[in-house]
Amino acid sequence: MSNSRYEWMEPGAFEVAPGVHRIPLPLPNDGLRAVNVYAIADGDALTLVDGGWALEESREQLVAALAQIGAGPGDITRFLVTHAHRDHYTQALALRREYGSEVLLGEEERHTLERLMSPEHRSMDRQLELLAEHGAKPVRDTLLSLREQGSRSHIWEKPDAWINASSDLGLTDRTLRALPTPGHTRGHLVFLEEQAGLMFAGDHVLPHITPSIGFEQAPTASPLRDYLASLRLVRGLPDMRLLPAHGPVTDSVHDRVDELLAHHDARLTATAAVVAAGASTAYEAARALTWTRRERAFDDLDVFNQMMAVLETAAHLDVLVLQDELGAERVEGVVHYS
């Protein structure tokens, strides 16, 4: 790839610290384009932080990258998964079925997994409900019609073990600390190798984009409030190198956390302003705001990103309500803010 912004997506295994290799895996037909998994030397075997999306092209790229470091998928003894999104979790499950690798996941992801594993579950059930609650019927209807054309494509399973609190995970020659960081999902974890100054951040802190908030089947009452608290939590730790799921490795978690906190402060101010100017629902507010670094209009977004825009706006509105800066009432099933 010629654009330096996308160099991190090049396939391979890249040593980012002694015994730690970053392996980018493809996400076809996904705006994120790639996800980093991290192979950590664990004696004669490997521990992987995250697993990637269970797709043939992802598996092929993982096998090729592992071969570069003299290993194969059968050498993976365990997966430490940051959260239960498909691009992090599903390939770990697929390789567990084949090789018996152990899979660990945050306890609070249980709520979403129970819904995903339900025979009645359909893709984006909860998001469609939220779009209706926030007045975004046009977006909901378009997504519903697209969903009817699709099919259920993943086998969801529980992990071998749940991580339910901050805890140390002993590898052969190092120790990782699992730290709950709810927000992106309610059970999101980061993994810290404190002695080496490394944070395997999953989607909690990303170097180029702001993580989505609460895109899951069982979000908490205020995912953004949780996320901001989790940002402040990691800001209070000693600074570390940032090993993200999407984007290049960077030298400072703190620098990026400061940028993310400033972004959300500005977004809260802008969201309050569009309500003061007359927007009543999250859908109306989202349409009045601009989106992405390019300041794009809502109508210029594809329908998936319109959904994400409405849900993000709702998350900011709910924080403003919790801060007593706005009020909210439900009228005929739709939440209105003032």
Protein backbone atom coordinates (compact mmCIF):
# COMPACT_ATOMS: atom_id res chain seq x y z
CA MET A 1 0.00 0.00 0.00
CA SER A 2 1.44 3.35 -0.97
CA ASN A 3 -0.37 5.48 1.62
CA SER A 4 1.66 5.50 4.84
CA ARG A 5 -1.58 5.68 6.82
CA TYR A 6 -2.35 2.13 5.70
CA GLU A 7 1.10 0.59 5.98
CA TRP A 8 0.10 -1.09 9.24
CA MET A 9 -2.30 -3.31 7.25
CA GLU A 10 0.47 -4.99 5.24
CA PRO A 11 0.42 -8.76 5.89
CA GLY A 12 3.16 -10.37 7.94
CA ALA A 13 4.49 -10.74 11.47
CA PHE A 14 6.16 -7.63 12.86
CA GLU A 15 8.12 -7.67 16.11
CA VAL A 16 6.98 -4.76 18.28
CA ALA A 17 8.71 -5.84 21.50
CA PRO A 18 10.89 -8.79 22.48
CA GLY A 19 8.79 -11.91 21.98
CA VAL A 20 5.75 -9.96 20.74
CA HIS A 21 4.68 -9.87 17.08
CA ARG A 22 1.89 -7.79 15.58
CA ILE A 23 -0.05 -9.71 12.91
CA PRO A 24 -2.58 -7.71 10.85
CA LEU A 25 -5.46 -9.75 9.44
CA PRO A 26 -7.89 -8.67 6.71
CA LEU A 27 -11.46 -7.49 7.28
CA PRO A 28 -12.98 -7.63 3.78
CA ASN A 29 -16.06 -5.48 3.19
CA ASP A 30 -15.45 -3.73 6.51
CA GLY A 31 -14.51 -0.07 6.83
CA LEU A 32 -11.84 -0.93 9.39
CA ARG A 33 -10.01 -2.98 6.70
CA ALA A 34 -7.77 -4.94 9.09
CA VAL A 35 -7.40 -6.03 12.70
CA ASN A 36 -4.17 -6.59 14.61
CA VAL A 37 -3.72 -9.72 16.66
CA TYR A 38 -0.61 -10.07 18.80
CA ALA A 39 1.41 -13.27 19.09
CA ILE A 40 3.25 -13.46 22.41
CA ALA A 41 6.00 -16.02 22.97
CA ASP A 42 4.88 -18.32 25.79
CA GLY A 43 7.68 -20.82 26.33
CA ASP A 44 7.60 -23.18 23.35
CA ALA A 45 4.07 -22.09 22.46
CA LEU A 46 2.14 -18.88 21.75
CA THR A 47 -0.55 -16.79 23.39
CA LEU A 48 -2.56 -14.60 21.02
CA VAL A 49 -4.28 -11.40 22.05
CA ASP A 50 -7.44 -11.50 19.90
CA GLY A 51 -8.07 -13.93 17.09
CA GLY A 52 -9.46 -12.10 14.08
CA TRP A 53 -12.59 -12.76 12.04
CA ALA A 54 -13.30 -16.39 11.09
CA LEU A 55 -12.88 -16.01 7.33
CA GLU A 56 -10.74 -18.09 4.98
CA GLU A 57 -8.58 -15.14 3.90
CA SER A 58 -7.96 -14.22 7.54
CA ARG A 59 -6.96 -17.77 8.42
CA GLU A 60 -4.57 -17.96 5.44
CA GLN A 61 -2.90 -14.70 6.42
CA LEU A 62 -2.59 -15.81 10.05
CA VAL A 63 -1.02 -19.14 9.07
CA ALA A 64 1.47 -17.38 6.77
CA ALA A 65 2.40 -14.84 9.46
CA LEU A 66 2.87 -17.52 12.11
CA ALA A 67 5.13 -19.43 9.72
CA GLN A 68 7.38 -16.36 9.57
CA ILE A 69 8.07 -16.79 13.29
CA GLY A 70 8.44 -20.57 13.08
CA ALA A 71 5.01 -21.45 14.40
CA GLY A 72 1.60 -22.64 13.29
CA PRO A 73 -1.98 -22.39 14.58
CA GLY A 74 -1.52 -25.59 16.55
CA ASP A 75 1.10 -23.81 18.66
CA ILE A 76 -1.46 -21.34 20.03
CA THR A 77 -2.21 -22.50 23.56
CA ARG A 78 -4.63 -19.71 24.41
CA PHE A 79 -6.42 -16.64 23.14
CA LEU A 80 -6.85 -13.61 25.36
CA VAL A 81 -9.79 -11.88 23.68
CA THR A 82 -10.43 -8.20 24.35
CA HIS A 83 -14.15 -8.38 23.49
CA ALA A 84 -16.76 -10.42 21.65
CA HIS A 85 -17.00 -8.56 18.34
CA ARG A 86 -16.68 -10.87 15.35
CA ASP A 87 -13.34 -9.43 14.18
CA HIS A 88 -11.75 -10.28 17.53
CA TYR A 89 -13.53 -13.41 18.74
CA THR A 90 -14.83 -15.68 15.98
CA GLN A 91 -11.50 -16.98 14.65
CA ALA A 92 -10.41 -17.82 18.19
CA LEU A 93 -13.50 -20.02 18.44
CA ALA A 94 -12.82 -21.63 15.06
CA LEU A 95 -9.23 -22.49 15.97
CA ARG A 96 -10.31 -23.77 19.37
CA ARG A 97 -12.64 -26.23 17.64
CA GLU A 98 -9.73 -27.42 15.50
CA TYR A 99 -6.76 -27.34 17.88
CA GLY A 100 -8.16 -27.11 21.39
CA SER A 101 -6.71 -23.70 22.24
CA GLU A 102 -8.06 -22.13 25.43
CA VAL A 103 -10.17 -18.98 24.97
CA LEU A 104 -10.52 -16.34 27.72
CA LEU A 105 -12.98 -13.43 27.61
CA GLY A 106 -14.30 -10.73 29.93
CA GLU A 107 -17.16 -11.82 32.17
CA GLU A 108 -19.40 -8.92 31.17
CA GLU A 109 -19.45 -10.15 27.55
CA ARG A 110 -21.65 -12.98 28.80
CA HIS A 111 -24.76 -10.81 28.35
CA THR A 112 -24.13 -10.24 24.66
CA LEU A 113 -23.04 -13.83 24.02
CA GLU A 114 -26.23 -15.19 25.54
CA ARG A 115 -28.21 -13.14 23.04
CA LEU A 116 -25.94 -14.06 20.13
CA MET A 117 -26.28 -17.75 20.98
CA SER A 118 -30.07 -17.61 21.26
CA PRO A 119 -31.92 -19.44 18.44
CA GLU A 120 -34.17 -16.37 18.13
CA HIS A 121 -31.28 -13.96 17.62
CA ARG A 122 -31.01 -12.01 14.39
CA SER A 123 -28.21 -9.66 13.43
CA MET A 124 -28.44 -6.15 14.95
CA ASP A 125 -31.61 -6.89 16.93
CA ARG A 126 -30.75 -4.45 19.70
CA GLN A 127 -29.48 -1.76 17.31
CA LEU A 128 -32.76 -1.86 15.38
CA GLU A 129 -34.68 -1.43 18.64
CA LEU A 130 -32.52 1.54 19.60
CA LEU A 131 -32.94 3.19 16.21
CA ALA A 132 -36.72 3.03 16.65
CA GLU A 133 -36.45 4.45 20.18
CA HIS A 134 -34.39 7.37 18.89
CA GLY A 135 -36.64 8.35 16.00
CA ALA A 136 -34.47 6.92 13.21
CA LYS A 137 -37.17 4.92 11.45
CA PRO A 138 -35.77 5.55 7.92
CA VAL A 139 -32.38 4.14 8.93
CA ARG A 140 -34.00 1.25 10.78
CA ASP A 141 -36.20 0.31 7.83
CA THR A 142 -33.28 0.30 5.39
CA LEU A 143 -31.17 -1.87 7.69
CA LEU A 144 -34.07 -4.22 8.30
CA SER A 145 -34.52 -4.79 4.57
CA LEU A 146 -30.79 -5.44 4.16
CA ARG A 147 -30.81 -7.87 7.07
CA GLU A 148 -33.60 -9.88 5.50
CA GLN A 149 -31.33 -10.44 2.49
CA GLY A 150 -28.50 -11.77 4.66
CA SER A 151 -28.01 -14.88 6.73
CA ARG A 152 -26.59 -15.88 10.08
CA SER A 153 -22.93 -16.62 9.38
CA HIS A 154 -21.14 -17.31 12.66
CA ILE A 155 -21.25 -19.99 15.32
CA TRP A 156 -21.09 -18.21 18.66
CA GLU A 157 -19.82 -20.09 21.70
CA LYS A 158 -18.80 -19.31 25.25
CA PRO A 159 -15.11 -19.05 26.19
CA ASP A 160 -13.32 -21.64 28.28
CA ALA A 161 -12.91 -19.14 31.10
CA TRP A 162 -14.34 -15.77 32.06
CA ILE A 163 -12.20 -12.94 33.42
CA ASN A 164 -14.36 -11.07 35.91
CA ALA A 165 -11.99 -8.57 37.52
CA SER A 166 -8.55 -7.08 37.22
CA SER A 167 -6.31 -10.12 37.42
CA ASP A 168 -2.82 -11.35 36.61
CA LEU A 169 -2.41 -13.97 33.89
CA GLY A 170 0.82 -15.93 34.15
CA LEU A 171 2.58 -16.89 30.95
CA THR A 172 5.80 -18.89 30.92
CA ASP A 173 8.19 -15.94 31.00
CA ARG A 174 5.95 -12.92 31.60
CA THR A 175 2.80 -11.75 33.32
CA LEU A 176 -0.10 -9.91 31.73
CA ARG A 177 -2.71 -8.05 33.74
CA ALA A 178 -6.27 -8.14 32.46
CA LEU A 179 -8.03 -4.84 33.17
CA PRO A 180 -11.78 -4.32 32.54
CA THR A 181 -12.38 -1.23 30.39
CA PRO A 182 -16.13 -1.14 29.65
CA GLY A 183 -17.46 1.24 27.02
CA HIS A 184 -16.72 -0.02 23.52
CA THR A 185 -18.46 -3.11 24.86
CA ARG A 186 -19.53 -3.75 28.43
CA GLY A 187 -16.99 -6.56 28.92
CA HIS A 188 -14.04 -5.05 27.07
CA LEU A 189 -10.60 -5.83 28.49
CA VAL A 190 -7.15 -4.44 27.92
CA PHE A 191 -4.09 -6.52 28.72
CA LEU A 192 -1.08 -4.87 30.33
CA GLU A 193 2.49 -6.11 30.36
CA GLU A 194 3.52 -3.56 32.93
CA GLN A 195 7.17 -4.56 33.24
CA ALA A 196 7.66 -4.06 29.49
CA GLY A 197 5.40 -0.98 29.35
CA LEU A 198 2.93 -2.45 26.85
CA MET A 199 -0.84 -2.07 26.63
CA PHE A 200 -2.69 -4.48 24.34
CA ALA A 201 -5.60 -2.10 23.98
CA GLY A 202 -8.10 -3.89 21.74
CA ASP A 203 -10.63 -1.28 20.61
CA HIS A 204 -10.47 0.79 23.80
CA VAL A 205 -7.82 3.21 22.54
CA LEU A 206 -7.25 3.46 18.78
CA PRO A 207 -4.62 5.77 17.26
CA HIS A 208 -6.54 7.11 14.25
CA ILE A 209 -10.26 6.73 14.92
CA THR A 210 -12.66 7.06 17.83
CA PRO A 211 -14.01 3.66 18.91
CA SER A 212 -17.70 2.98 18.51
CA ILE A 213 -19.60 2.95 21.80
CA GLY A 214 -22.00 0.23 22.93
CA PHE A 215 -22.36 -1.55 19.57
CA GLU A 216 -23.42 -4.87 21.07
CA GLN A 217 -26.50 -6.89 21.82
CA ALA A 218 -26.70 -6.04 25.54
CA PRO A 219 -25.28 -2.54 26.15
CA THR A 220 -25.38 -0.92 29.57
CA ALA A 221 -27.61 2.06 30.36
CA SER A 222 -24.84 4.53 29.43
CA PRO A 223 -21.96 3.00 27.44
CA LEU A 224 -20.37 6.42 26.86
CA ARG A 225 -20.28 7.19 30.58
CA ASP A 226 -18.57 3.81 31.05
CA TYR A 227 -16.16 4.52 28.22
CA LEU A 228 -15.10 7.93 29.52
CA ALA A 229 -14.51 6.43 32.97
CA SER A 230 -12.40 3.67 31.39
CA LEU A 231 -10.35 6.24 29.47
CA ARG A 232 -9.66 8.07 32.72
CA LEU A 233 -8.76 4.76 34.35
CA VAL A 234 -5.99 4.00 31.86
CA ARG A 235 -4.91 7.66 31.89
CA GLY A 236 -4.21 7.19 35.58
CA LEU A 237 -1.78 4.34 34.93
CA PRO A 238 1.88 4.86 34.06
CA ASP A 239 2.19 5.66 30.36
CA MET A 240 2.81 2.70 28.06
CA ARG A 241 3.23 1.90 24.39
CA LEU A 242 -0.12 1.53 22.64
CA LEU A 243 -0.67 -1.80 20.86
CA PRO A 244 -4.10 -1.27 19.29
CA ALA A 245 -6.41 -3.59 17.38
CA HIS A 246 -6.76 -1.17 14.46
CA GLY A 247 -3.85 1.05 13.47
CA PRO A 248 -0.11 1.20 14.06
CA VAL A 249 1.69 0.76 17.36
CA THR A 250 2.42 4.15 18.94
CA ASP A 251 4.60 5.28 21.82
CA SER A 252 2.05 6.78 24.23
CA VAL A 253 -1.32 5.63 25.52
CA HIS A 254 -1.65 8.91 27.44
CA ASP A 255 -1.30 11.13 24.39
CA ARG A 256 -4.10 9.37 22.54
CA VAL A 257 -6.35 9.17 25.61
CA ASP A 258 -6.03 12.94 26.03
CA GLU A 259 -7.11 13.39 22.41
CA LEU A 260 -10.08 11.06 22.84
CA LEU A 261 -11.26 12.80 26.01
CA ALA A 262 -10.99 16.18 24.28
CA HIS A 263 -12.92 14.83 21.29
CA HIS A 264 -15.80 13.65 23.46
CA ASP A 265 -15.88 16.90 25.42
CA ALA A 266 -16.20 18.79 22.13
CA ARG A 267 -18.83 16.37 20.90
CA LEU A 268 -20.91 16.78 24.05
CA THR A 269 -20.81 20.56 23.57
CA ALA A 270 -21.81 20.29 19.90
CA THR A 271 -24.62 17.85 20.69
CA ALA A 272 -26.05 20.12 23.38
CA ALA A 273 -25.93 23.00 20.90
CA VAL A 274 -27.99 21.24 18.22
CA VAL A 275 -30.63 20.35 20.82
CA ALA A 276 -30.72 24.00 21.90
CA ALA A 277 -31.21 24.87 18.22
CA GLY A 278 -34.28 22.63 17.98
CA ALA A 279 -33.22 19.00 17.46
CA SER A 280 -35.42 16.80 19.64
CA THR A 281 -34.41 13.19 18.96
CA ALA A 282 -31.03 11.52 18.53
CA TYR A 283 -31.87 11.09 14.84
CA GLU A 284 -32.55 14.81 14.40
CA ALA A 285 -29.41 15.70 16.33
CA ALA A 286 -27.27 13.29 14.30
CA ARG A 287 -28.57 14.84 11.09
CA ALA A 288 -27.58 18.29 12.36
CA LEU A 289 -24.01 17.25 13.21
CA THR A 290 -21.09 16.48 10.90
CA TRP A 291 -19.24 13.18 10.86
CA THR A 292 -15.72 11.77 10.49
CA ARG A 293 -12.55 13.79 10.21
CA ARG A 294 -13.83 15.04 6.86
CA GLU A 295 -16.85 16.74 8.47
CA ARG A 296 -19.27 14.81 6.27
CA ALA A 297 -23.02 15.43 6.30
CA PHE A 298 -25.22 12.68 7.72
CA ASP A 299 -26.87 12.04 4.34
CA ASP A 300 -23.44 11.39 2.80
CA LEU A 301 -22.83 8.41 5.10
CA ASP A 302 -23.73 4.85 4.13
CA VAL A 303 -26.60 3.33 6.08
CA PHE A 304 -24.37 1.39 8.48
CA ASN A 305 -22.50 4.55 9.43
CA GLN A 306 -25.79 6.45 9.69
CA MET A 307 -26.81 3.87 12.28
CA MET A 308 -23.52 4.32 14.13
CA ALA A 309 -23.96 8.10 14.01
CA VAL A 310 -27.44 7.93 15.55
CA LEU A 311 -26.30 5.54 18.29
CA GLU A 312 -23.25 7.66 19.09
CA THR A 313 -25.42 10.78 19.25
CA ALA A 314 -27.83 9.00 21.58
CA ALA A 315 -24.89 8.03 23.80
CA HIS A 316 -23.79 11.66 24.05
CA LEU A 317 -27.34 12.82 24.72
CA ASP A 318 -27.70 10.29 27.52
CA VAL A 319 -24.50 11.55 29.16
CA LEU A 320 -25.84 15.11 28.94
CA VAL A 321 -28.99 13.91 30.72
CA LEU A 322 -26.91 12.22 33.43
CA GLN A 323 -25.02 15.50 33.86
CA ASP A 324 -28.36 17.35 34.28
CA GLU A 325 -27.64 19.45 31.20
CA LEU A 326 -30.64 18.06 29.31
CA GLY A 327 -33.94 16.41 30.10
CA ALA A 328 -35.46 13.40 28.37
CA GLU A 329 -38.97 12.02 28.00
CA ARG A 330 -40.46 9.18 26.01
CA VAL A 331 -43.38 10.08 23.74
CA GLU A 332 -45.11 7.24 21.89
CA GLY A 333 -42.01 5.07 22.21
CA VAL A 334 -39.53 7.70 21.01
CA VAL A 335 -37.07 9.46 23.34
CA HIS A 336 -37.11 13.27 23.06
CA TYR A 337 -34.47 15.55 24.58
CA SER A 338 -34.72 19.19 25.61
